[in-house]
Amino acid sequence: HSEEDPASAEYHAIDKDKYANPLPHVLMLTAIVVGVSTLGLALAISQKIYRSFGTLEEDEILNELRPGEHD
């Protein structure tokens, strides 16, 4: 039997219509990862603020930071 040399083997053109373009899928996955990461960071910051001030109300936090100023 004769073995075919891979360097001389014929390669056929790939029919691009049979394959999906991966770029839209990659972009959607990236958007999901960025969204989840942003949400996680926002929740971590909110938790830190709540632990420090006991509230998430902006007016109460500002009153605690600037006790002499009242609206």
N, C-alpha and C. Protein backbone atom coordinates (compact mmCIF):
# COMPACT_ATOMS: atom_id res chain seq x y z
N HIS A 1 0.85 -1.18 0.00
CA HIS A 1 0.00 0.00 0.00
C HIS A 1 0.89 1.23 0.00
N SER A 2 0.37 2.32 -0.55
CA SER A 2 1.18 3.54 -0.62
C SER A 2 0.56 4.60 0.27
N GLU A 3 1.41 5.26 1.02
CA GLU A 3 0.93 6.34 1.89
C GLU A 3 1.04 7.65 1.14
N GLU A 4 0.00 8.46 1.26
CA GLU A 4 -0.01 9.74 0.57
C GLU A 4 0.74 10.77 1.40
N ASP A 5 1.57 11.53 0.76
CA ASP A 5 2.32 12.59 1.42
C ASP A 5 1.37 13.74 1.75
N PRO A 6 1.23 14.12 3.04
CA PRO A 6 0.28 15.19 3.40
C PRO A 6 0.59 16.51 2.70
N ALA A 7 1.84 16.76 2.39
CA ALA A 7 2.19 18.02 1.73
C ALA A 7 1.67 18.07 0.31
N SER A 8 1.48 16.92 -0.31
CA SER A 8 1.00 16.92 -1.69
C SER A 8 -0.48 16.57 -1.79
N ALA A 9 -1.15 16.39 -0.67
CA ALA A 9 -2.57 16.05 -0.68
C ALA A 9 -3.39 17.21 -1.22
N GLU A 10 -4.48 16.86 -1.87
CA GLU A 10 -5.37 17.90 -2.40
C GLU A 10 -6.27 18.40 -1.28
N TYR A 11 -6.42 19.69 -1.22
CA TYR A 11 -7.32 20.29 -0.24
C TYR A 11 -8.43 20.99 -1.01
N HIS A 12 -9.63 20.71 -0.61
CA HIS A 12 -10.78 21.29 -1.28
C HIS A 12 -11.18 22.57 -0.58
N ALA A 13 -11.70 23.49 -1.36
CA ALA A 13 -12.16 24.76 -0.79
C ALA A 13 -13.31 24.50 0.17
N ILE A 14 -13.34 25.24 1.24
CA ILE A 14 -14.41 25.11 2.23
C ILE A 14 -15.62 25.89 1.74
N ASP A 15 -16.77 25.24 1.80
CA ASP A 15 -18.01 25.91 1.40
C ASP A 15 -18.47 26.77 2.56
N LYS A 16 -18.26 28.07 2.45
CA LYS A 16 -18.54 28.98 3.56
C LYS A 16 -20.02 29.07 3.90
N ASP A 17 -20.90 28.68 2.99
CA ASP A 17 -22.34 28.73 3.26
C ASP A 17 -22.77 27.65 4.24
N LYS A 18 -21.95 26.64 4.45
CA LYS A 18 -22.29 25.55 5.37
C LYS A 18 -21.94 25.86 6.82
N TYR A 19 -21.21 26.95 7.05
CA TYR A 19 -20.73 27.27 8.39
C TYR A 19 -21.27 28.62 8.85
N ALA A 20 -21.54 28.72 10.12
CA ALA A 20 -22.04 29.98 10.68
C ALA A 20 -20.87 30.89 11.01
N ASN A 21 -21.10 32.17 10.88
CA ASN A 21 -20.09 33.17 11.25
C ASN A 21 -20.05 33.24 12.78
N PRO A 22 -18.92 32.97 13.41
CA PRO A 22 -18.87 32.96 14.88
C PRO A 22 -18.83 34.35 15.50
N LEU A 23 -18.56 35.39 14.72
CA LEU A 23 -18.40 36.72 15.29
C LEU A 23 -19.64 37.21 16.05
N PRO A 24 -20.86 37.11 15.51
CA PRO A 24 -22.02 37.58 16.29
C PRO A 24 -22.18 36.83 17.62
N HIS A 25 -21.88 35.54 17.61
CA HIS A 25 -22.01 34.76 18.84
C HIS A 25 -20.97 35.20 19.87
N VAL A 26 -19.77 35.45 19.41
CA VAL A 26 -18.71 35.90 20.31
C VAL A 26 -19.05 37.27 20.88
N LEU A 27 -19.58 38.15 20.05
CA LEU A 27 -19.95 39.49 20.54
C LEU A 27 -21.07 39.42 21.56
N MET A 28 -22.05 38.54 21.34
CA MET A 28 -23.15 38.39 22.31
C MET A 28 -22.62 37.83 23.63
N LEU A 29 -21.77 36.84 23.57
CA LEU A 29 -21.20 36.29 24.80
C LEU A 29 -20.37 37.33 25.54
N THR A 30 -19.64 38.14 24.80
CA THR A 30 -18.85 39.21 25.42
C THR A 30 -19.77 40.21 26.10
N ALA A 31 -20.86 40.58 25.43
CA ALA A 31 -21.81 41.53 26.02
C ALA A 31 -22.43 40.96 27.29
N ILE A 32 -22.75 39.68 27.29
CA ILE A 32 -23.32 39.05 28.48
C ILE A 32 -22.31 39.06 29.62
N VAL A 33 -21.06 38.71 29.34
CA VAL A 33 -20.02 38.69 30.37
C VAL A 33 -19.80 40.09 30.94
N VAL A 34 -19.74 41.10 30.07
CA VAL A 34 -19.55 42.47 30.54
C VAL A 34 -20.74 42.91 31.39
N GLY A 35 -21.95 42.57 30.97
CA GLY A 35 -23.15 42.93 31.73
C GLY A 35 -23.18 42.29 33.10
N VAL A 36 -22.88 41.01 33.16
CA VAL A 36 -22.88 40.30 34.45
C VAL A 36 -21.77 40.84 35.36
N SER A 37 -20.61 41.13 34.78
CA SER A 37 -19.50 41.68 35.58
C SER A 37 -19.85 43.05 36.14
N THR A 38 -20.47 43.88 35.31
CA THR A 38 -20.89 45.21 35.76
C THR A 38 -21.92 45.11 36.87
N LEU A 39 -22.87 44.21 36.71
CA LEU A 39 -23.89 44.01 37.75
C LEU A 39 -23.24 43.54 39.05
N GLY A 40 -22.31 42.61 38.96
CA GLY A 40 -21.63 42.12 40.16
C GLY A 40 -20.87 43.22 40.87
N LEU A 41 -20.19 44.06 40.11
CA LEU A 41 -19.45 45.18 40.70
C LEU A 41 -20.40 46.17 41.37
N ALA A 42 -21.52 46.48 40.70
CA ALA A 42 -22.49 47.41 41.27
C ALA A 42 -23.08 46.86 42.56
N LEU A 43 -23.38 45.57 42.59
CA LEU A 43 -23.92 44.97 43.82
C LEU A 43 -22.89 44.98 44.94
N ALA A 44 -21.63 44.72 44.61
CA ALA A 44 -20.57 44.74 45.63
C ALA A 44 -20.40 46.14 46.21
N ILE A 45 -20.44 47.16 45.35
CA ILE A 45 -20.31 48.55 45.83
C ILE A 45 -21.53 48.92 46.67
N SER A 46 -22.72 48.52 46.23
CA SER A 46 -23.94 48.80 47.01
C SER A 46 -23.88 48.15 48.38
N GLN A 47 -23.39 46.92 48.43
CA GLN A 47 -23.26 46.22 49.71
C GLN A 47 -22.28 46.94 50.63
N LYS A 48 -21.18 47.39 50.08
CA LYS A 48 -20.18 48.13 50.87
C LYS A 48 -20.77 49.43 51.42
N ILE A 49 -21.53 50.15 50.59
CA ILE A 49 -22.17 51.39 51.03
C ILE A 49 -23.18 51.09 52.13
N TYR A 50 -23.98 50.04 51.96
CA TYR A 50 -24.98 49.70 52.96
C TYR A 50 -24.33 49.32 54.29
N ARG A 51 -23.23 48.58 54.23
CA ARG A 51 -22.54 48.20 55.47
C ARG A 51 -21.93 49.43 56.16
N SER A 52 -21.49 50.40 55.38
CA SER A 52 -20.87 51.60 55.96
C SER A 52 -21.89 52.57 56.53
N PHE A 53 -23.03 52.74 55.86
CA PHE A 53 -24.00 53.77 56.24
C PHE A 53 -25.32 53.22 56.77
N GLY A 54 -25.58 51.94 56.60
CA GLY A 54 -26.82 51.36 57.08
C GLY A 54 -28.02 51.70 56.21
N THR A 55 -27.79 52.28 55.06
CA THR A 55 -28.87 52.63 54.14
C THR A 55 -28.30 52.80 52.74
N LEU A 56 -29.19 52.78 51.77
CA LEU A 56 -28.81 53.09 50.39
C LEU A 56 -29.47 54.39 49.92
N GLU A 57 -30.19 55.05 50.83
CA GLU A 57 -30.84 56.32 50.49
C GLU A 57 -29.81 57.42 50.36
N GLU A 58 -29.80 58.06 49.19
CA GLU A 58 -28.80 59.08 48.90
C GLU A 58 -28.86 60.24 49.88
N ASP A 59 -30.06 60.71 50.21
CA ASP A 59 -30.19 61.85 51.12
C ASP A 59 -29.63 61.54 52.51
N GLU A 60 -29.92 60.35 53.01
CA GLU A 60 -29.42 59.96 54.33
C GLU A 60 -27.89 59.84 54.34
N ILE A 61 -27.34 59.31 53.27
CA ILE A 61 -25.88 59.18 53.17
C ILE A 61 -25.23 60.56 53.11
N LEU A 62 -25.81 61.46 52.30
CA LEU A 62 -25.26 62.82 52.20
C LEU A 62 -25.37 63.57 53.52
N ASN A 63 -26.48 63.38 54.25
CA ASN A 63 -26.63 64.02 55.56
C ASN A 63 -25.59 63.50 56.55
N GLU A 64 -25.25 62.24 56.45
CA GLU A 64 -24.23 61.68 57.34
C GLU A 64 -22.83 62.18 56.95
N LEU A 65 -22.60 62.35 55.67
CA LEU A 65 -21.30 62.84 55.21
C LEU A 65 -21.12 64.33 55.47
N ARG A 66 -22.22 65.09 55.35
CA ARG A 66 -22.17 66.55 55.57
C ARG A 66 -23.23 66.91 56.62
N PRO A 67 -22.97 66.68 57.88
CA PRO A 67 -24.00 66.86 58.92
C PRO A 67 -24.47 68.30 59.09
N GLY A 68 -23.66 69.29 58.76
CA GLY A 68 -24.05 70.69 58.97
C GLY A 68 -24.99 71.22 57.90
N GLU A 69 -25.05 70.57 56.77
CA GLU A 69 -25.88 71.05 55.66
C GLU A 69 -27.21 70.32 55.66
N HIS A 70 -28.31 71.07 55.67
CA HIS A 70 -29.65 70.47 55.59
C HIS A 70 -30.41 71.16 54.48
N ASP A 71 -31.13 70.37 53.68
CA ASP A 71 -31.93 70.93 52.57
C ASP A 71 -33.27 71.40 53.05
